[in-house]
Protein backbone atom coordinates (compact mmCIF):
# COMPACT_ATOMS: atom_id res chain seq x y z
CA UNK A 1 252.20 139.40 249.80
CA UNK A 2 251.61 142.55 248.34
CA UNK A 3 252.94 145.10 250.99
CA UNK A 4 256.66 144.93 249.52
CA UNK A 5 256.38 144.53 245.91
CA UNK A 6 257.98 147.18 244.00
CA UNK A 7 256.29 148.96 241.44
CA UNK A 8 257.47 148.51 237.74
CA UNK A 9 258.82 151.87 236.53
CA UNK A 10 258.73 152.68 232.97
CA UNK A 11 262.33 152.21 231.84
CA UNK A 12 261.90 152.88 228.07
CA UNK A 13 261.17 156.86 229.15
CA UNK A 14 264.20 157.00 231.23
CA UNK A 15 266.55 156.08 228.23
CA UNK A 16 265.05 157.28 225.21
CA UNK A 17 267.52 160.21 223.96
CA UNK A 18 266.66 163.49 223.96
CA UNK A 19 266.84 165.80 220.95
CA UNK A 20 268.83 168.50 222.93
CA UNK A 21 272.54 169.44 222.57
CA UNK A 22 275.07 169.13 225.38
CA UNK A 23 274.14 172.23 226.50
CA UNK A 24 270.28 171.35 226.87
CA UNK A 25 269.39 173.49 224.09
CA UNK A 26 266.65 171.69 221.65
CA UNK A 27 267.55 170.52 218.15
CA UNK A 28 265.49 170.67 214.89
CA UNK A 29 265.91 170.00 211.52
CA UNK A 30 268.01 172.82 209.75
CA UNK A 31 270.02 173.77 213.04
CA UNK A 32 273.67 174.16 212.44
CA UNK A 33 275.97 172.13 214.97
CA UNK A 34 279.38 171.40 215.75
CA UNK A 35 279.37 167.70 216.43
CA UNK A 36 282.18 166.58 219.02
CA UNK A 37 282.54 162.75 217.89
CA UNK A 38 283.53 161.20 214.85
CA UNK A 39 285.71 164.48 213.25
CA UNK A 40 282.76 165.47 211.42
CA UNK A 41 283.37 169.05 212.46
CA UNK A 42 280.63 171.64 211.55
CA UNK A 43 277.38 169.73 210.35
CA UNK A 44 273.73 170.32 209.69
CA UNK A 45 271.11 168.27 211.23
CA UNK A 46 268.69 167.26 208.32
CA UNK A 47 265.60 164.33 208.54
CA UNK A 48 266.38 160.93 206.67
CA UNK A 49 264.34 157.73 206.63
CA UNK A 50 265.60 156.79 210.50
CA UNK A 51 264.93 159.99 211.73
CA UNK A 52 267.03 163.27 212.45
CA UNK A 53 271.02 162.76 211.24
CA UNK A 54 273.90 165.08 211.13
CA UNK A 55 275.39 166.09 207.52
CA UNK A 56 278.83 167.02 207.84
CA UNK A 57 279.50 170.44 205.89
CA UNK A 58 283.32 169.28 205.43
CA UNK A 59 283.13 165.67 204.55
CA UNK A 60 279.53 165.16 203.27
CA UNK A 61 279.26 161.97 205.92
CA UNK A 62 275.70 161.61 207.19
CA UNK A 63 275.25 160.21 210.70
CA UNK A 64 272.16 159.30 212.34
CA UNK A 65 271.24 160.94 215.92
CA UNK A 66 271.30 157.54 217.50
CA UNK A 67 275.45 157.48 217.35
CA UNK A 68 275.56 160.59 219.04
CA UNK A 69 273.66 159.92 222.35
CA UNK A 70 275.81 160.50 225.56
CA UNK A 71 274.92 157.66 227.83
CA UNK A 72 275.45 159.90 231.15
CA UNK A 73 272.81 162.57 230.22
CA UNK A 74 270.70 161.12 227.20
CA UNK A 75 271.75 164.27 225.60
CA UNK A 76 273.32 164.47 221.99
CA UNK A 77 277.18 164.91 221.54
CA UNK A 78 277.01 168.06 219.65
CA UNK A 79 276.78 171.80 220.28
CA UNK A 80 274.18 174.19 218.76
CA UNK A 81 276.01 177.52 217.07
CA UNK A 82 273.09 179.26 216.97
């Protein structure tokens, strides 16, 4: 019976993170942001071999954008400064 079968939805499109900050502003390489995790403070968005990453101005620590994804909204846990 084909009448009651559910259509398979593309779950990958729903789960892929968006490259926007917590307020919905788009992020690009070179943007200055305030990171809300890992005590990194103010950072610059850079591009590395894994894609986009955040480099801390104070500590020099580099963290991938994949670690900043908010599970509820799929936005990044950062605030764009400009």
